[in-house]
Amino acid sequence: MQYSRSQNLALFVLRLIIALIFFVAAYYKLPFWEGETMGMSEGMVNLMKVLSIAEPLGALAVLAGFLTKWAAIGLSMILLGAIYVVKFTYGIGFVTPTGPGWNFPLTVLACCIILLGFGAGNWSVDARKKS
């Protein structure tokens, strides 16, 4: 699909922001590799370790625009899990008086859905493979 310059820029900026969010999220999970548990169960600690690998891989794919729709699906599954945990495990509402609740992962999920619908744009590895 051909996009205008501004549409390609918008999709690139969207990919960049999503990638940054997941790089930061993965960075904050690194202490789990050093034995930090933060009072979590062993299963949850192991999940955090897996996510510390999956999130930057998905972020790299989205940033490069490589298998973007598949990466967006994977990141969306992570976000759905995050929403579930925040809402149903911790009982945090949509927003809190002191900060975000599950509104933040919902917003990032919406961004991933945009990538699912529109793809990475012409400034991506995916677009180069088609030409």
Protein backbone atom coordinates (compact mmCIF):
# COMPACT_ATOMS: atom_id res chain seq x y z
CA MET A 1 0.00 0.00 0.00
CA GLN A 2 1.29 3.44 -0.84
CA TYR A 3 1.14 6.17 1.77
CA SER A 4 1.84 9.89 1.59
CA ARG A 5 4.99 11.29 3.16
CA SER A 6 3.07 12.49 6.23
CA GLN A 7 1.37 9.11 6.64
CA ASN A 8 4.74 7.32 6.42
CA LEU A 9 6.16 9.75 8.97
CA ALA A 10 3.20 9.17 11.31
CA LEU A 11 3.58 5.38 11.07
CA PHE A 12 7.33 5.65 11.65
CA VAL A 13 6.85 7.86 14.72
CA LEU A 14 4.20 5.45 16.01
CA ARG A 15 6.63 2.54 15.57
CA LEU A 16 9.38 4.51 17.31
CA ILE A 17 7.18 5.34 20.30
CA ILE A 18 5.93 1.76 20.66
CA ALA A 19 9.50 0.46 20.47
CA LEU A 20 10.70 2.93 23.12
CA ILE A 21 7.89 1.95 25.47
CA PHE A 22 8.76 -1.75 25.20
CA PHE A 23 12.54 -1.18 25.46
CA VAL A 24 11.97 0.71 28.72
CA ALA A 25 9.53 -1.92 30.00
CA ALA A 26 12.09 -4.66 29.32
CA TYR A 27 14.87 -2.66 30.97
CA TYR A 28 12.89 -2.47 34.20
CA LYS A 29 12.49 -6.25 34.19
CA LEU A 30 16.26 -6.92 34.16
CA PRO A 31 16.57 -7.03 37.99
CA PHE A 32 14.53 -10.25 37.93
CA TRP A 33 17.57 -11.94 36.37
CA GLU A 34 19.63 -10.96 39.41
CA GLY A 35 17.29 -12.60 41.91
CA GLU A 36 14.99 -9.67 42.65
CA THR A 37 11.47 -10.96 43.26
CA MET A 38 9.59 -7.90 44.56
CA GLY A 39 7.39 -10.33 46.51
CA MET A 40 6.17 -12.05 43.34
CA SER A 41 5.61 -15.76 42.94
CA GLU A 42 8.23 -17.84 41.16
CA GLY A 43 5.91 -18.18 38.17
CA MET A 44 5.48 -14.43 37.89
CA VAL A 45 9.24 -13.88 38.21
CA ASN A 46 9.82 -16.37 35.39
CA LEU A 47 7.20 -14.59 33.28
CA MET A 48 9.03 -11.28 33.87
CA LYS A 49 12.25 -12.92 32.66
CA VAL A 50 10.54 -14.16 29.49
CA LEU A 51 9.05 -10.72 28.91
CA SER A 52 12.47 -9.11 29.37
CA ILE A 53 13.49 -11.03 26.24
CA ALA A 54 10.24 -10.92 24.23
CA GLU A 55 9.58 -7.20 24.67
CA PRO A 56 12.85 -5.90 23.19
CA LEU A 57 12.64 -8.43 20.35
CA GLY A 58 9.14 -7.21 19.52
CA ALA A 59 10.31 -3.61 19.89
CA LEU A 60 13.18 -4.19 17.46
CA ALA A 61 10.85 -5.78 14.93
CA VAL A 62 8.34 -2.93 15.19
CA LEU A 63 11.07 -0.29 15.01
CA ALA A 64 12.59 -1.82 11.88
CA GLY A 65 9.18 -2.55 10.42
CA PHE A 66 10.11 -6.23 10.10
CA LEU A 67 7.19 -8.68 10.33
CA THR A 68 5.38 -5.74 11.84
CA LYS A 69 1.91 -7.23 11.98
CA TRP A 70 3.20 -10.37 13.71
CA ALA A 71 5.21 -8.29 16.17
CA ALA A 72 2.16 -6.12 16.85
CA ILE A 73 0.12 -9.26 17.57
CA GLY A 74 2.75 -10.49 20.03
CA LEU A 75 3.02 -7.11 21.75
CA SER A 76 -0.79 -6.90 21.86
CA MET A 77 -0.92 -10.22 23.71
CA ILE A 78 1.59 -8.85 26.24
CA LEU A 79 -0.55 -5.73 26.67
CA LEU A 80 -3.75 -7.75 27.13
CA GLY A 81 -1.93 -9.71 29.83
CA ALA A 82 -0.77 -6.48 31.46
CA ILE A 83 -4.30 -5.09 31.46
CA TYR A 84 -5.62 -8.32 32.97
CA VAL A 85 -2.99 -8.35 35.74
CA VAL A 86 -3.41 -4.66 36.58
CA LYS A 87 -7.21 -4.85 36.58
CA PHE A 88 -7.96 -8.27 38.03
CA THR A 89 -4.88 -9.25 40.05
CA TYR A 90 -4.03 -5.89 41.56
CA GLY A 91 -7.52 -4.34 41.33
CA ILE A 92 -6.23 -1.08 39.88
CA GLY A 93 -8.82 0.98 38.05
CA PHE A 94 -8.68 2.65 34.66
CA VAL A 95 -6.85 5.57 36.29
CA THR A 96 -5.76 6.29 39.85
CA PRO A 97 -5.51 9.58 41.75
CA THR A 98 -1.70 9.35 41.65
CA GLY A 99 -1.03 7.91 38.20
CA PRO A 100 -2.09 5.64 35.40
CA GLY A 101 -4.02 2.46 35.83
CA TRP A 102 -4.76 0.18 32.91
CA ASN A 103 -5.41 3.15 30.65
CA PHE A 104 -1.73 3.26 29.62
CA PRO A 105 -1.48 -0.34 28.35
CA LEU A 106 -4.86 0.14 26.66
CA THR A 107 -3.50 3.15 24.78
CA VAL A 108 -0.40 1.24 23.66
CA LEU A 109 -2.68 -1.65 22.63
CA ALA A 110 -4.61 0.79 20.43
CA CYS A 111 -1.31 1.79 18.80
CA CYS A 112 -0.51 -1.86 18.08
CA ILE A 113 -3.97 -2.30 16.55
CA ILE A 114 -3.23 0.65 14.25
CA LEU A 115 -0.08 -1.17 13.07
CA LEU A 116 -2.15 -4.32 12.52
CA GLY A 117 -4.58 -2.39 10.35
CA PHE A 118 -2.18 -0.18 8.41
CA GLY A 119 1.14 -2.00 8.54
CA ALA A 120 4.50 -0.35 9.07
CA GLY A 121 4.33 2.06 6.15
CA ASN A 122 6.75 2.46 3.28
CA TRP A 123 9.72 3.32 5.52
CA SER A 124 10.16 -0.25 6.74
CA VAL A 125 11.79 -3.57 6.02
CA ASP A 126 8.34 -4.99 5.24
CA ALA A 127 7.88 -2.45 2.43
CA ARG A 128 11.34 -3.27 1.01
CA LYS A 129 10.49 -6.98 0.84
CA LYS A 130 7.42 -6.24 -1.31
CA SER A 131 9.28 -4.18 -3.91
